[in-house]
Amino acid sequence: MKYVDAAIAVLQQHDREMTTAEITAVALERGLIAPHGRTPWKSMEARLYTLVLSDRNPGVVKIWQLGLIRTRRGSVRWAWKPKTR
């Protein structure tokens, strides 16, 4: 399963905001992804950021808090909020 599909499945199952590390841990625990590198949470993070910016995003939402200049470190969370048509 692709990282994006695994993240969507995890976020749909858990009805709360989750960090990238939490999403990755659940996906690994359930056997949804089989990473080849040493930092699967970074791969998941990259896929989620790309998904949020794309037009094919089915409902993954990035939730963050503003810092002094940009997003406050450690504040990014992901949630599932399906788009209504």
N, C-alpha and C. Protein backbone atom coordinates (compact mmCIF):
# COMPACT_ATOMS: atom_id res chain seq x y z
N MET A 1 0.85 -1.17 0.00
CA MET A 1 0.00 0.00 0.00
C MET A 1 0.89 1.24 0.00
N LYS A 2 0.45 2.26 -0.71
CA LYS A 2 1.20 3.51 -0.77
C LYS A 2 1.06 4.27 0.54
N TYR A 3 2.01 5.15 0.81
CA TYR A 3 1.99 5.94 2.03
C TYR A 3 0.71 6.77 2.16
N VAL A 4 0.29 7.38 1.06
CA VAL A 4 -0.91 8.22 1.10
C VAL A 4 -2.14 7.38 1.44
N ASP A 5 -2.28 6.22 0.80
CA ASP A 5 -3.42 5.35 1.07
C ASP A 5 -3.41 4.87 2.52
N ALA A 6 -2.23 4.54 3.03
CA ALA A 6 -2.11 4.11 4.42
C ALA A 6 -2.49 5.24 5.37
N ALA A 7 -2.04 6.46 5.08
CA ALA A 7 -2.36 7.60 5.94
C ALA A 7 -3.85 7.87 5.95
N ILE A 8 -4.48 7.80 4.80
CA ILE A 8 -5.93 8.01 4.73
C ILE A 8 -6.66 6.95 5.53
N ALA A 9 -6.25 5.70 5.40
CA ALA A 9 -6.89 4.61 6.15
C ALA A 9 -6.75 4.81 7.65
N VAL A 10 -5.57 5.21 8.10
CA VAL A 10 -5.33 5.43 9.53
C VAL A 10 -6.15 6.62 10.04
N LEU A 11 -6.15 7.72 9.29
CA LEU A 11 -6.89 8.90 9.72
C LEU A 11 -8.40 8.67 9.73
N GLN A 12 -8.89 7.87 8.78
CA GLN A 12 -10.32 7.55 8.77
C GLN A 12 -10.71 6.71 9.97
N GLN A 13 -9.82 5.80 10.37
CA GLN A 13 -10.12 4.91 11.50
C GLN A 13 -10.07 5.66 12.83
N HIS A 14 -9.09 6.56 12.98
CA HIS A 14 -8.93 7.32 14.22
C HIS A 14 -9.58 8.68 14.03
N ASP A 15 -10.56 8.97 14.78
CA ASP A 15 -11.31 10.22 14.63
C ASP A 15 -10.70 11.33 15.48
N ARG A 16 -9.42 11.62 15.21
CA ARG A 16 -8.73 12.67 15.96
C ARG A 16 -7.55 13.17 15.14
N GLU A 17 -6.97 14.28 15.56
CA GLU A 17 -5.77 14.80 14.91
C GLU A 17 -4.58 13.93 15.31
N MET A 18 -3.69 13.68 14.36
CA MET A 18 -2.52 12.83 14.63
C MET A 18 -1.27 13.46 14.03
N THR A 19 -0.13 13.21 14.66
CA THR A 19 1.14 13.64 14.11
C THR A 19 1.57 12.64 13.03
N THR A 20 2.56 13.04 12.25
CA THR A 20 3.08 12.16 11.22
C THR A 20 3.66 10.90 11.84
N ALA A 21 4.35 11.04 12.96
CA ALA A 21 4.94 9.88 13.64
C ALA A 21 3.87 8.91 14.12
N GLU A 22 2.76 9.44 14.63
CA GLU A 22 1.66 8.58 15.08
C GLU A 22 1.02 7.84 13.91
N ILE A 23 0.80 8.53 12.82
CA ILE A 23 0.22 7.90 11.63
C ILE A 23 1.13 6.79 11.13
N THR A 24 2.42 7.07 11.05
CA THR A 24 3.39 6.10 10.57
C THR A 24 3.46 4.88 11.50
N ALA A 25 3.46 5.12 12.81
CA ALA A 25 3.52 4.01 13.77
C ALA A 25 2.31 3.08 13.63
N VAL A 26 1.13 3.65 13.48
CA VAL A 26 -0.07 2.83 13.32
C VAL A 26 -0.03 2.08 11.99
N ALA A 27 0.41 2.75 10.92
CA ALA A 27 0.50 2.09 9.61
C ALA A 27 1.51 0.94 9.64
N LEU A 28 2.62 1.13 10.33
CA LEU A 28 3.61 0.05 10.46
C LEU A 28 3.07 -1.10 11.30
N GLU A 29 2.39 -0.76 12.38
CA GLU A 29 1.82 -1.77 13.28
C GLU A 29 0.78 -2.62 12.57
N ARG A 30 -0.03 -2.00 11.73
CA ARG A 30 -1.06 -2.72 10.99
C ARG A 30 -0.55 -3.36 9.71
N GLY A 31 0.72 -3.12 9.38
CA GLY A 31 1.31 -3.71 8.18
C GLY A 31 0.85 -3.07 6.88
N LEU A 32 0.45 -1.81 6.95
CA LEU A 32 -0.03 -1.12 5.76
C LEU A 32 1.10 -0.65 4.86
N ILE A 33 2.26 -0.38 5.44
CA ILE A 33 3.42 0.05 4.66
C ILE A 33 4.62 -0.81 5.02
N ALA A 34 5.52 -0.94 4.06
CA ALA A 34 6.76 -1.68 4.28
C ALA A 34 7.92 -0.79 3.82
N PRO A 35 8.37 0.10 4.71
CA PRO A 35 9.41 1.06 4.31
C PRO A 35 10.76 0.38 4.09
N HIS A 36 11.54 1.02 3.22
CA HIS A 36 12.88 0.51 2.94
C HIS A 36 13.96 1.38 3.57
N GLY A 37 13.61 2.59 3.96
CA GLY A 37 14.59 3.52 4.53
C GLY A 37 14.57 3.52 6.04
N ARG A 38 15.38 4.40 6.62
CA ARG A 38 15.49 4.48 8.08
C ARG A 38 14.55 5.51 8.70
N THR A 39 13.93 6.35 7.89
CA THR A 39 13.03 7.38 8.41
C THR A 39 11.68 7.34 7.69
N PRO A 40 10.87 6.33 7.98
CA PRO A 40 9.58 6.24 7.29
C PRO A 40 8.63 7.40 7.62
N TRP A 41 8.76 8.00 8.79
CA TRP A 41 7.89 9.12 9.14
C TRP A 41 8.20 10.34 8.27
N LYS A 42 9.42 10.50 7.84
CA LYS A 42 9.77 11.61 6.95
C LYS A 42 9.20 11.37 5.56
N SER A 43 9.21 10.12 5.11
CA SER A 43 8.59 9.79 3.82
C SER A 43 7.09 10.05 3.89
N MET A 44 6.46 9.64 5.00
CA MET A 44 5.03 9.87 5.18
C MET A 44 4.73 11.37 5.19
N GLU A 45 5.57 12.13 5.89
CA GLU A 45 5.39 13.57 5.98
C GLU A 45 5.46 14.23 4.60
N ALA A 46 6.42 13.82 3.79
CA ALA A 46 6.57 14.38 2.45
C ALA A 46 5.36 14.07 1.60
N ARG A 47 4.85 12.84 1.68
CA ARG A 47 3.67 12.46 0.90
C ARG A 47 2.43 13.25 1.34
N LEU A 48 2.28 13.46 2.65
CA LEU A 48 1.12 14.19 3.15
C LEU A 48 1.16 15.66 2.73
N TYR A 49 2.33 16.29 2.82
CA TYR A 49 2.45 17.69 2.40
C TYR A 49 2.12 17.82 0.91
N THR A 50 2.61 16.88 0.10
CA THR A 50 2.33 16.90 -1.33
C THR A 50 0.85 16.69 -1.60
N LEU A 51 0.22 15.78 -0.86
CA LEU A 51 -1.21 15.50 -1.04
C LEU A 51 -2.06 16.72 -0.70
N VAL A 52 -1.75 17.41 0.37
CA VAL A 52 -2.53 18.57 0.80
C VAL A 52 -2.49 19.68 -0.25
N LEU A 53 -1.38 19.81 -0.95
CA LEU A 53 -1.25 20.85 -1.96
C LEU A 53 -1.84 20.46 -3.31
N SER A 54 -2.15 19.18 -3.51
CA SER A 54 -2.64 18.73 -4.81
C SER A 54 -4.15 18.86 -4.93
N ASP A 55 -4.63 18.75 -6.14
CA ASP A 55 -6.07 18.82 -6.42
C ASP A 55 -6.78 17.51 -6.12
N ARG A 56 -6.04 16.42 -5.99
CA ARG A 56 -6.66 15.12 -5.77
C ARG A 56 -6.79 14.75 -4.28
N ASN A 57 -6.67 15.72 -3.42
CA ASN A 57 -6.79 15.49 -1.98
C ASN A 57 -8.24 15.16 -1.62
N PRO A 58 -8.50 13.95 -1.10
CA PRO A 58 -9.88 13.56 -0.78
C PRO A 58 -10.39 14.12 0.55
N GLY A 59 -9.50 14.67 1.38
CA GLY A 59 -9.98 15.22 2.64
C GLY A 59 -8.97 15.25 3.77
N VAL A 60 -7.70 15.10 3.47
CA VAL A 60 -6.67 15.20 4.52
C VAL A 60 -6.42 16.69 4.77
N VAL A 61 -6.44 17.06 6.04
CA VAL A 61 -6.29 18.47 6.43
C VAL A 61 -5.06 18.62 7.32
N LYS A 62 -4.25 19.65 7.04
CA LYS A 62 -3.11 19.98 7.89
C LYS A 62 -3.54 21.02 8.90
N ILE A 63 -3.29 20.73 10.18
CA ILE A 63 -3.63 21.65 11.26
C ILE A 63 -2.32 22.06 11.91
N TRP A 64 -2.12 23.36 12.06
CA TRP A 64 -0.85 23.85 12.59
C TRP A 64 -1.06 25.13 13.38
N GLN A 65 -0.01 25.50 14.13
CA GLN A 65 -0.03 26.74 14.90
C GLN A 65 1.09 27.64 14.40
N LEU A 66 0.79 28.91 14.32
CA LEU A 66 1.75 29.88 13.82
C LEU A 66 2.80 30.20 14.89
N GLY A 67 4.05 30.23 14.48
CA GLY A 67 5.14 30.64 15.35
C GLY A 67 5.49 32.09 15.08
N LEU A 68 6.70 32.50 15.42
CA LEU A 68 7.11 33.88 15.18
C LEU A 68 7.23 34.20 13.70
N ILE A 69 7.77 33.28 12.92
CA ILE A 69 7.99 33.52 11.50
C ILE A 69 7.18 32.56 10.64
N ARG A 70 7.14 31.29 11.02
CA ARG A 70 6.42 30.28 10.24
C ARG A 70 5.76 29.30 11.20
N THR A 71 5.41 28.15 10.75
CA THR A 71 4.75 27.15 11.59
C THR A 71 5.59 26.82 12.81
N ARG A 72 4.95 26.80 13.99
CA ARG A 72 5.66 26.47 15.22
C ARG A 72 6.13 25.02 15.17
N ARG A 73 7.37 24.79 15.53
CA ARG A 73 7.96 23.46 15.49
C ARG A 73 7.15 22.49 16.35
N GLY A 74 6.83 21.34 15.76
CA GLY A 74 6.11 20.30 16.48
C GLY A 74 4.60 20.51 16.58
N SER A 75 4.08 21.52 15.86
CA SER A 75 2.65 21.80 16.01
C SER A 75 1.79 21.19 14.90
N VAL A 76 2.40 20.63 13.86
CA VAL A 76 1.63 20.12 12.72
C VAL A 76 0.94 18.81 13.08
N ARG A 77 -0.36 18.78 12.81
CA ARG A 77 -1.18 17.58 13.01
C ARG A 77 -1.98 17.37 11.72
N TRP A 78 -2.40 16.15 11.49
CA TRP A 78 -3.18 15.79 10.32
C TRP A 78 -4.52 15.23 10.76
N ALA A 79 -5.55 15.51 9.99
CA ALA A 79 -6.89 15.03 10.32
C ALA A 79 -7.63 14.66 9.04
N TRP A 80 -8.67 13.86 9.19
CA TRP A 80 -9.51 13.47 8.06
C TRP A 80 -10.81 14.24 8.12
N LYS A 81 -11.03 15.08 7.11
CA LYS A 81 -12.28 15.82 7.00
C LYS A 81 -12.70 15.72 5.53
N PRO A 82 -13.53 14.71 5.21
CA PRO A 82 -13.89 14.49 3.81
C PRO A 82 -14.56 15.71 3.19
N LYS A 83 -14.19 15.96 1.95
CA LYS A 83 -14.76 17.10 1.23
C LYS A 83 -16.19 16.79 0.84
N THR A 84 -17.05 17.76 1.00
CA THR A 84 -18.44 17.61 0.57
C THR A 84 -18.59 18.21 -0.81
N ARG A 85 -19.38 17.59 -1.63
CA ARG A 85 -19.52 18.06 -3.00
C ARG A 85 -20.82 18.73 -3.22
